[in-house]
Amino acid sequence: MFTFSESQYNEFDKFLSDMKGINWGTWPPNDNWPHYAGMTGYSLNQYEQDNGKVFVVVKFDNVVLLPDGRKGKRFHCGKSRNYQPNCERF
């Protein structure tokens, strides 16, 4: 299981925040996405809520551990409560 350090977590959280502000069709190539030694692969998806708010969901290939002790394979950045897909905030 990959464990994010505090600095890796902060950098990756900023990356997710930046990605939600860019239309997915113009995202930079995956080669330019952050990756750390020992980190599992991941994919990103962008969604738009009924109110127009955009958010992203990151899905890791394997479970990751966040600095605050939470672990999982799928997390969101920017979605409102109770909106699908149902996952924790990164």
PDB file of N, CA and C in Angstrom:
ATOM      1  N   MET A   1       0.850  -1.178   0.000  1.00  0.00           N
ATOM      2  CA  MET A   1       0.000   0.000   0.000  1.00  0.00           C
ATOM      3  C   MET A   1       0.898   1.245   0.000  1.00  0.00           C
ATOM      4  N   PHE A   2       0.593   2.179  -0.896  1.00  0.00           N
ATOM      5  CA  PHE A   2       1.340   3.431  -0.970  1.00  0.00           C
ATOM      6  C   PHE A   2       0.818   4.389   0.099  1.00  0.00           C
ATOM      7  N   THR A   3       1.746   5.046   0.802  1.00  0.00           N
ATOM      8  CA  THR A   3       1.397   6.029   1.825  1.00  0.00           C
ATOM      9  C   THR A   3       1.866   7.405   1.366  1.00  0.00           C
ATOM     10  N   PHE A   4       0.925   8.342   1.260  1.00  0.00           N
ATOM     11  CA  PHE A   4       1.264   9.721   0.898  1.00  0.00           C
ATOM     12  C   PHE A   4       1.949  10.405   2.073  1.00  0.00           C
ATOM     13  N   SER A   5       3.070  11.064   1.813  1.00  0.00           N
ATOM     14  CA  SER A   5       3.650  11.947   2.827  1.00  0.00           C
ATOM     15  C   SER A   5       2.805  13.230   2.830  1.00  0.00           C
ATOM     16  N   GLU A   6       2.990  14.041   3.816  1.00  0.00           N
ATOM     17  CA  GLU A   6       2.238  15.301   3.904  1.00  0.00           C
ATOM     18  C   GLU A   6       2.492  16.179   2.674  1.00  0.00           C
ATOM     19  N   SER A   7       3.748  16.292   2.251  1.00  0.00           N
ATOM     20  CA  SER A   7       4.061  17.144   1.092  1.00  0.00           C
ATOM     21  C   SER A   7       3.511  16.538  -0.203  1.00  0.00           C
ATOM     22  N   GLN A   8       3.584  15.216  -0.363  1.00  0.00           N
ATOM     23  CA  GLN A   8       3.008  14.562  -1.543  1.00  0.00           C
ATOM     24  C   GLN A   8       1.498  14.764  -1.574  1.00  0.00           C
ATOM     25  N   TYR A   9       0.866  14.623  -0.419  1.00  0.00           N
ATOM     26  CA  TYR A   9      -0.581  14.815  -0.326  1.00  0.00           C
ATOM     27  C   TYR A   9      -0.953  16.233  -0.755  1.00  0.00           C
ATOM     28  N   ASN A  10      -0.244  17.218  -0.234  1.00  0.00           N
ATOM     29  CA  ASN A  10      -0.547  18.618  -0.570  1.00  0.00           C
ATOM     30  C   ASN A  10      -0.347  18.882  -2.060  1.00  0.00           C
ATOM     31  N   GLU A  11       0.717  18.349  -2.633  1.00  0.00           N
ATOM     32  CA  GLU A  11       0.982  18.526  -4.061  1.00  0.00           C
ATOM     33  C   GLU A  11      -0.094  17.836  -4.905  1.00  0.00           C
ATOM     34  N   PHE A  12      -0.475  16.632  -4.526  1.00  0.00           N
ATOM     35  CA  PHE A  12      -1.483  15.897  -5.288  1.00  0.00           C
ATOM     36  C   PHE A  12      -2.859  16.546  -5.145  1.00  0.00           C
ATOM     37  N   ASP A  13      -3.170  17.068  -3.957  1.00  0.00           N
ATOM     38  CA  ASP A  13      -4.433  17.769  -3.744  1.00  0.00           C
ATOM     39  C   ASP A  13      -4.506  19.013  -4.625  1.00  0.00           C
ATOM     40  N   LYS A  14      -3.412  19.742  -4.749  1.00  0.00           N
ATOM     41  CA  LYS A  14      -3.378  20.916  -5.635  1.00  0.00           C
ATOM     42  C   LYS A  14      -3.567  20.486  -7.087  1.00  0.00           C
ATOM     43  N   PHE A  15      -2.926  19.385  -7.478  1.00  0.00           N
ATOM     44  CA  PHE A  15      -3.088  18.847  -8.828  1.00  0.00           C
ATOM     45  C   PHE A  15      -4.568  18.550  -9.112  1.00  0.00           C
ATOM     46  N   LEU A  16      -5.242  17.884  -8.180  1.00  0.00           N
ATOM     47  CA  LEU A  16      -6.663  17.573  -8.372  1.00  0.00           C
ATOM     48  C   LEU A  16      -7.490  18.852  -8.475  1.00  0.00           C
ATOM     49  N   SER A  17      -7.206  19.825  -7.626  1.00  0.00           N
ATOM     50  CA  SER A  17      -7.925  21.105  -7.684  1.00  0.00           C
ATOM     51  C   SER A  17      -7.728  21.797  -9.020  1.00  0.00           C
ATOM     52  N   ASP A  18      -6.497  21.759  -9.518  1.00  0.00           N
ATOM     53  CA  ASP A  18      -6.211  22.371 -10.818  1.00  0.00           C
ATOM     54  C   ASP A  18      -6.957  21.643 -11.936  1.00  0.00           C
ATOM     55  N   MET A  19      -7.003  20.320 -11.866  1.00  0.00           N
ATOM     56  CA  MET A  19      -7.639  19.527 -12.922  1.00  0.00           C
ATOM     57  C   MET A  19      -9.147  19.752 -12.985  1.00  0.00           C
ATOM     58  N   LYS A  20      -9.766  20.050 -11.854  1.00  0.00           N
ATOM     59  CA  LYS A  20     -11.215  20.286 -11.902  1.00  0.00           C
ATOM     60  C   LYS A  20     -11.546  21.604 -12.589  1.00  0.00           C
ATOM     61  N   GLY A  21     -10.556  22.495 -12.688  1.00  0.00           N
ATOM     62  CA  GLY A  21     -10.764  23.772 -13.347  1.00  0.00           C
ATOM     63  C   GLY A  21     -10.434  23.762 -14.836  1.00  0.00           C
ATOM     64  N   ILE A  22     -10.006  22.608 -15.356  1.00  0.00           N
ATOM     65  CA  ILE A  22      -9.643  22.483 -16.763  1.00  0.00           C
ATOM     66  C   ILE A  22     -10.590  21.492 -17.414  1.00  0.00           C
ATOM     67  N   ASN A  23     -11.137  21.827 -18.557  1.00  0.00           N
ATOM     68  CA  ASN A  23     -11.991  20.888 -19.277  1.00  0.00           C
ATOM     69  C   ASN A  23     -11.203  19.626 -19.558  1.00  0.00           C
ATOM     70  N   TRP A  24     -11.786  18.464 -19.266  1.00  0.00           N
ATOM     71  CA  TRP A  24     -11.067  17.187 -19.390  1.00  0.00           C
ATOM     72  C   TRP A  24     -10.492  16.976 -20.790  1.00  0.00           C
ATOM     73  N   GLY A  25     -11.103  17.548 -21.808  1.00  0.00           N
ATOM     74  CA  GLY A  25     -10.612  17.389 -23.173  1.00  0.00           C
ATOM     75  C   GLY A  25      -9.286  18.090 -23.422  1.00  0.00           C
ATOM     76  N   THR A  26      -8.925  19.012 -22.539  1.00  0.00           N
ATOM     77  CA  THR A  26      -7.666  19.731 -22.694  1.00  0.00           C
ATOM     78  C   THR A  26      -6.688  19.434 -21.557  1.00  0.00           C
ATOM     79  N   TRP A  27      -6.936  18.369 -20.795  1.00  0.00           N
ATOM     80  CA  TRP A  27      -6.004  17.979 -19.734  1.00  0.00           C
ATOM     81  C   TRP A  27      -4.637  17.673 -20.324  1.00  0.00           C
ATOM     82  N   PRO A  28      -3.586  17.939 -19.565  1.00  0.00           N
ATOM     83  CA  PRO A  28      -2.249  17.567 -20.039  1.00  0.00           C
ATOM     84  C   PRO A  28      -2.119  16.046 -20.130  1.00  0.00           C
ATOM     85  N   PRO A  29      -1.183  15.552 -20.927  1.00  0.00           N
ATOM     86  CA  PRO A  29      -1.008  14.098 -21.044  1.00  0.00           C
ATOM     87  C   PRO A  29      -0.689  13.455 -19.688  1.00  0.00           C
ATOM     88  N   ASN A  30      -1.087  12.205 -19.522  1.00  0.00           N
ATOM     89  CA  ASN A  30      -0.862  11.475 -18.265  1.00  0.00           C
ATOM     90  C   ASN A  30       0.600  11.482 -17.846  1.00  0.00           C
ATOM     91  N   ASP A  31       1.512  11.554 -18.807  1.00  0.00           N
ATOM     92  CA  ASP A  31       2.941  11.570 -18.484  1.00  0.00           C
ATOM     93  C   ASP A  31       3.313  12.767 -17.606  1.00  0.00           C
ATOM     94  N   ASN A  32       2.508  13.826 -17.664  1.00  0.00           N
ATOM     95  CA  ASN A  32       2.784  15.041 -16.896  1.00  0.00           C
ATOM     96  C   ASN A  32       2.065  15.061 -15.548  1.00  0.00           C
ATOM     97  N   TRP A  33       1.310  14.020 -15.233  1.00  0.00           N
ATOM     98  CA  TRP A  33       0.609  13.958 -13.954  1.00  0.00           C
ATOM     99  C   TRP A  33       1.580  13.514 -12.866  1.00  0.00           C
ATOM    100  N   PRO A  34       1.365  13.945 -11.625  1.00  0.00           N
ATOM    101  CA  PRO A  34       2.295  13.567 -10.550  1.00  0.00           C
ATOM    102  C   PRO A  34       2.310  12.058 -10.303  1.00  0.00           C
ATOM    103  N   HIS A  35       3.486  11.567 -10.041  1.00  0.00           N
ATOM    104  CA  HIS A  35       3.668  10.167  -9.671  1.00  0.00           C
ATOM    105  C   HIS A  35       4.879  10.097  -8.751  1.00  0.00           C
ATOM    106  N   TYR A  36       4.754   9.326  -7.690  1.00  0.00           N
ATOM    107  CA  TYR A  36       5.814   9.216  -6.696  1.00  0.00           C
ATOM    108  C   TYR A  36       6.308   7.775  -6.650  1.00  0.00           C
ATOM    109  N   ALA A  37       7.562   7.602  -6.261  1.00  0.00           N
ATOM    110  CA  ALA A  37       8.151   6.262  -6.184  1.00  0.00           C
ATOM    111  C   ALA A  37       7.270   5.344  -5.338  1.00  0.00           C
ATOM    112  N   GLY A  38       6.914   4.205  -5.895  1.00  0.00           N
ATOM    113  CA  GLY A  38       6.086   3.227  -5.182  1.00  0.00           C
ATOM    114  C   GLY A  38       4.592   3.468  -5.273  1.00  0.00           C
ATOM    115  N   MET A  39       4.205   4.580  -5.891  1.00  0.00           N
ATOM    116  CA  MET A  39       2.781   4.909  -5.981  1.00  0.00           C
ATOM    117  C   MET A  39       2.088   4.042  -7.034  1.00  0.00           C
ATOM    118  N   THR A  40       0.892   3.596  -6.704  1.00  0.00           N
ATOM    119  CA  THR A  40       0.082   2.811  -7.624  1.00  0.00           C
ATOM    120  C   THR A  40      -0.406   3.680  -8.775  1.00  0.00           C
ATOM    121  N   GLY A  41      -0.803   3.066  -9.872  1.00  0.00           N
ATOM    122  CA  GLY A  41      -1.373   3.815 -10.979  1.00  0.00           C
ATOM    123  C   GLY A  41      -2.735   4.384 -10.590  1.00  0.00           C
ATOM    124  N   TYR A  42      -3.199   5.366 -11.356  1.00  0.00           N
ATOM    125  CA  TYR A  42      -4.503   5.964 -11.072  1.00  0.00           C
ATOM    126  C   TYR A  42      -5.108   6.538 -12.336  1.00  0.00           C
ATOM    127  N   SER A  43      -6.402   6.772 -12.274  1.00  0.00           N
ATOM    128  CA  SER A  43      -7.116   7.429 -13.367  1.00  0.00           C
ATOM    129  C   SER A  43      -7.944   8.561 -12.780  1.00  0.00           C
ATOM    130  N   LEU A  44      -8.272   9.528 -13.623  1.00  0.00           N
ATOM    131  CA  LEU A  44      -9.107  10.661 -13.214  1.00  0.00           C
ATOM    132  C   LEU A  44     -10.335  10.731 -14.099  1.00  0.00           C
ATOM    133  N   ASN A  45     -11.442  11.113 -13.498  1.00  0.00           N
ATOM    134  CA  ASN A  45     -12.663  11.394 -14.244  1.00  0.00           C
ATOM    135  C   ASN A  45     -13.217  12.721 -13.770  1.00  0.00           C
ATOM    136  N   GLN A  46     -13.794  13.457 -14.694  1.00  0.00           N
ATOM    137  CA  GLN A  46     -14.383  14.758 -14.375  1.00  0.00           C
ATOM    138  C   GLN A  46     -15.897  14.658 -14.510  1.00  0.00           C
ATOM    139  N   TYR A  47     -16.607  15.267 -13.563  1.00  0.00           N
ATOM    140  CA  TYR A  47     -18.069  15.252 -13.554  1.00  0.00           C
ATOM    141  C   TYR A  47     -18.588  16.668 -13.381  1.00  0.00           C
ATOM    142  N   GLU A  48     -19.825  16.869 -13.814  1.00  0.00           N
ATOM    143  CA  GLU A  48     -20.489  18.153 -13.605  1.00  0.00           C
ATOM    144  C   GLU A  48     -21.809  17.908 -12.896  1.00  0.00           C
ATOM    145  N   GLN A  49     -22.014  18.628 -11.814  1.00  0.00           N
ATOM    146  CA  GLN A  49     -23.260  18.509 -11.052  1.00  0.00           C
ATOM    147  C   GLN A  49     -24.366  19.275 -11.770  1.00  0.00           C
ATOM    148  N   ASP A  50     -25.597  19.055 -11.338  1.00  0.00           N
ATOM    149  CA  ASP A  50     -26.749  19.739 -11.922  1.00  0.00           C
ATOM    150  C   ASP A  50     -26.632  21.261 -11.821  1.00  0.00           C
ATOM    151  N   ASN A  51     -25.941  21.747 -10.788  1.00  0.00           N
ATOM    152  CA  ASN A  51     -25.786  23.189 -10.597  1.00  0.00           C
ATOM    153  C   ASN A  51     -24.594  23.762 -11.372  1.00  0.00           C
ATOM    154  N   GLY A  52     -23.930  22.931 -12.180  1.00  0.00           N
ATOM    155  CA  GLY A  52     -22.806  23.382 -12.995  1.00  0.00           C
ATOM    156  C   GLY A  52     -21.453  23.264 -12.329  1.00  0.00           C
ATOM    157  N   LYS A  53     -21.416  22.890 -11.060  1.00  0.00           N
ATOM    158  CA  LYS A  53     -20.151  22.736 -10.346  1.00  0.00           C
ATOM    159  C   LYS A  53     -19.420  21.501 -10.865  1.00  0.00           C
ATOM    160  N   VAL A  54     -18.141  21.670 -11.182  1.00  0.00           N
ATOM    161  CA  VAL A  54     -17.323  20.588 -11.730  1.00  0.00           C
ATOM    162  C   VAL A  54     -16.474  19.994 -10.614  1.00  0.00           C
ATOM    163  N   PHE A  55     -16.318  18.672 -10.632  1.00  0.00           N
ATOM    164  CA  PHE A  55     -15.432  18.013  -9.680  1.00  0.00           C
ATOM    165  C   PHE A  55     -14.733  16.855 -10.371  1.00  0.00           C
ATOM    166  N   VAL A  56     -13.677  16.360  -9.740  1.00  0.00           N
ATOM    167  CA  VAL A  56     -12.944  15.214 -10.273  1.00  0.00           C
ATOM    168  C   VAL A  56     -12.936  14.092  -9.248  1.00  0.00           C
ATOM    169  N   VAL A  57     -12.825  12.871  -9.774  1.00  0.00           N
ATOM    170  CA  VAL A  57     -12.682  11.681  -8.936  1.00  0.00           C
ATOM    171  C   VAL A  57     -11.417  10.970  -9.385  1.00  0.00           C
ATOM    172  N   VAL A  58     -10.554  10.667  -8.425  1.00  0.00           N
ATOM    173  CA  VAL A  58      -9.346   9.900  -8.702  1.00  0.00           C
ATOM    174  C   VAL A  58      -9.586   8.475  -8.221  1.00  0.00           C
ATOM    175  N   LYS A  59      -9.232   7.527  -9.070  1.00  0.00           N
ATOM    176  CA  LYS A  59      -9.362   6.115  -8.714  1.00  0.00           C
ATOM    177  C   LYS A  59      -7.983   5.475  -8.824  1.00  0.00           C
ATOM    178  N   PHE A  60      -7.462   5.032  -7.683  1.00  0.00           N
ATOM    179  CA  PHE A  60      -6.159   4.370  -7.638  1.00  0.00           C
ATOM    180  C   PHE A  60      -6.329   2.891  -7.932  1.00  0.00           C
ATOM    181  N   ASP A  61      -5.303   2.280  -8.532  1.00  0.00           N
ATOM    182  CA  ASP A  61      -5.347   0.854  -8.836  1.00  0.00           C
ATOM    183  C   ASP A  61      -5.351   0.004  -7.566  1.00  0.00           C
ATOM    184  N   ASN A  62      -4.718   0.500  -6.516  1.00  0.00           N
ATOM    185  CA  ASN A  62      -4.662  -0.185  -5.228  1.00  0.00           C
ATOM    186  C   ASN A  62      -4.954   0.817  -4.120  1.00  0.00           C
ATOM    187  N   VAL A  63      -5.240   0.332  -2.947  1.00  0.00           N
ATOM    188  CA  VAL A  63      -5.530   1.180  -1.792  1.00  0.00           C
ATOM    189  C   VAL A  63      -4.317   2.048  -1.465  1.00  0.00           C
ATOM    190  N   VAL A  64      -4.590   3.326  -1.172  1.00  0.00           N
ATOM    191  CA  VAL A  64      -3.550   4.256  -0.726  1.00  0.00           C
ATOM    192  C   VAL A  64      -3.908   4.756   0.670  1.00  0.00           C
ATOM    193  N   LEU A  65      -2.891   5.175   1.413  1.00  0.00           N
ATOM    194  CA  LEU A  65      -3.069   5.702   2.758  1.00  0.00           C
ATOM    195  C   LEU A  65      -2.756   7.191   2.739  1.00  0.00           C
ATOM    196  N   LEU A  66      -3.700   8.000   3.241  1.00  0.00           N
ATOM    197  CA  LEU A  66      -3.516   9.446   3.306  1.00  0.00           C
ATOM    198  C   LEU A  66      -2.873   9.814   4.644  1.00  0.00           C
ATOM    199  N   PRO A  67      -2.249  10.980   4.739  1.00  0.00           N
ATOM    200  CA  PRO A  67      -1.547  11.362   5.980  1.00  0.00           C
ATOM    201  C   PRO A  67      -2.438  11.384   7.224  1.00  0.00           C
ATOM    202  N   ASP A  68      -3.737  11.608   7.047  1.00  0.00           N
ATOM    203  CA  ASP A  68      -4.627  11.658   8.216  1.00  0.00           C
ATOM    204  C   ASP A  68      -5.144  10.275   8.633  1.00  0.00           C
ATOM    205  N   GLY A  69      -4.629   9.210   7.980  1.00  0.00           N
ATOM    206  CA  GLY A  69      -5.000   7.857   8.367  1.00  0.00           C
ATOM    207  C   GLY A  69      -6.113   7.234   7.542  1.00  0.00           C
ATOM    208  N   ARG A  70      -6.787   8.034   6.713  1.00  0.00           N
ATOM    209  CA  ARG A  70      -7.829   7.460   5.855  1.00  0.00           C
ATOM    210  C   ARG A  70      -7.180   6.657   4.738  1.00  0.00           C
ATOM    211  N   LYS A  71      -7.850   5.612   4.300  1.00  0.00           N
ATOM    212  CA  LYS A  71      -7.334   4.845   3.173  1.00  0.00           C
ATOM    213  C   LYS A  71      -8.482   4.466   2.259  1.00  0.00           C
ATOM    214  N   GLY A  72      -8.135   4.253   1.000  1.00  0.00           N
ATOM    215  CA  GLY A  72      -9.141   3.892   0.017  1.00  0.00           C
ATOM    216  C   GLY A  72      -8.556   3.892  -1.376  1.00  0.00           C
ATOM    217  N   LYS A  73      -9.424   3.572  -2.332  1.00  0.00           N
ATOM    218  CA  LYS A  73      -9.010   3.540  -3.735  1.00  0.00           C
ATOM    219  C   LYS A  73      -9.601   4.694  -4.535  1.00  0.00           C
ATOM    220  N   ARG A  74     -10.676   5.314  -4.029  1.00  0.00           N
ATOM    221  CA  ARG A  74     -11.360   6.341  -4.810  1.00  0.00           C
ATOM    222  C   ARG A  74     -11.687   7.537  -3.916  1.00  0.00           C
ATOM    223  N   PHE A  75     -11.343   8.729  -4.423  1.00  0.00           N
ATOM    224  CA  PHE A  75     -11.560   9.966  -3.687  1.00  0.00           C
ATOM    225  C   PHE A  75     -12.033  11.047  -4.653  1.00  0.00           C
ATOM    226  N   HIS A  76     -12.721  12.042  -4.121  1.00  0.00           N
ATOM    227  CA  HIS A  76     -13.180  13.159  -4.960  1.00  0.00           C
ATOM    228  C   HIS A  76     -12.479  14.444  -4.553  1.00  0.00           C
ATOM    229  N   CYS A  77     -12.582  15.416  -5.444  1.00  0.00           N
ATOM    230  CA  CYS A  77     -12.106  16.764  -5.161  1.00  0.00           C
ATOM    231  C   CYS A  77     -13.131  17.731  -5.731  1.00  0.00           C
ATOM    232  N   GLY A  78     -13.889  18.374  -4.843  1.00  0.00           N
ATOM    233  CA  GLY A  78     -14.785  19.432  -5.264  1.00  0.00           C
ATOM    234  C   GLY A  78     -16.252  19.120  -5.399  1.00  0.00           C
ATOM    235  N   LYS A  79     -16.705  17.925  -5.029  1.00  0.00           N
ATOM    236  CA  LYS A  79     -18.133  17.638  -5.209  1.00  0.00           C
ATOM    237  C   LYS A  79     -18.925  18.002  -3.962  1.00  0.00           C
ATOM    238  N   SER A  80     -20.200  18.272  -4.155  1.00  0.00           N
ATOM    239  CA  SER A  80     -21.100  18.552  -3.046  1.00  0.00           C
ATOM    240  C   SER A  80     -21.490  17.257  -2.353  1.00  0.00           C
ATOM    241  N   ARG A  81     -21.894  17.377  -1.129  1.00  0.00           N
ATOM    242  CA  ARG A  81     -22.327  16.225  -0.341  1.00  0.00           C
ATOM    243  C   ARG A  81     -23.499  15.517  -1.024  1.00  0.00           C
ATOM    244  N   ASN A  82     -23.528  14.225  -0.922  1.00  0.00           N
ATOM    245  CA  ASN A  82     -24.601  13.371  -1.447  1.00  0.00           C
ATOM    246  C   ASN A  82     -24.672  13.316  -2.967  1.00  0.00           C
ATOM    247  N   TYR A  83     -23.675  13.813  -3.651  1.00  0.00           N
ATOM    248  CA  TYR A  83     -23.668  13.717  -5.110  1.00  0.00           C
ATOM    249  C   TYR A  83     -22.862  12.493  -5.507  1.00  0.00           C
ATOM    250  N   GLN A  84     -23.303  11.791  -6.529  1.00  0.00           N
ATOM    251  CA  GLN A  84     -22.642  10.551  -6.975  1.00  0.00           C
ATOM    252  C   GLN A  84     -21.474  10.892  -7.901  1.00  0.00           C
ATOM    253  N   PRO A  85     -20.422  10.102  -7.959  1.00  0.00           N
ATOM    254  CA  PRO A  85     -20.205   8.875  -7.195  1.00  0.00           C
ATOM    255  C   PRO A  85     -19.875   9.176  -5.743  1.00  0.00           C
ATOM    256  N   ASN A  86     -20.277   8.280  -4.870  1.00  0.00           N
ATOM    257  CA  ASN A  86     -20.107   8.466  -3.439  1.00  0.00           C
ATOM    258  C   ASN A  86     -18.706   8.012  -3.003  1.00  0.00           C
ATOM    259  N   CYS A  87     -17.875   8.964  -2.645  1.00  0.00           N
ATOM    260  CA  CYS A  87     -16.519   8.657  -2.167  1.00  0.00           C
ATOM    261  C   CYS A  87     -16.063   9.807  -1.273  1.00  0.00           C
ATOM    262  N   GLU A  88     -14.996   9.558  -0.535  1.00  0.00           N
ATOM    263  CA  GLU A  88     -14.474  10.571   0.403  1.00  0.00           C
ATOM    264  C   GLU A  88     -13.701  11.653  -0.341  1.00  0.00           C
ATOM    265  N   ARG A  89     -13.590  12.806   0.326  1.00  0.00           N
ATOM    266  CA  ARG A  89     -12.777  13.900  -0.197  1.00  0.00           C
ATOM    267  C   ARG A  89     -11.315  13.522  -0.048  1.00  0.00           C
ATOM    268  N   PHE A  90     -10.510  13.835  -1.064  1.00  0.00           N
ATOM    269  CA  PHE A  90      -9.078  13.571  -0.990  1.00  0.00           C
ATOM    270  C   PHE A  90      -8.456  14.505   0.015  1.00  0.00           C
TER     271      PHE A  90
END
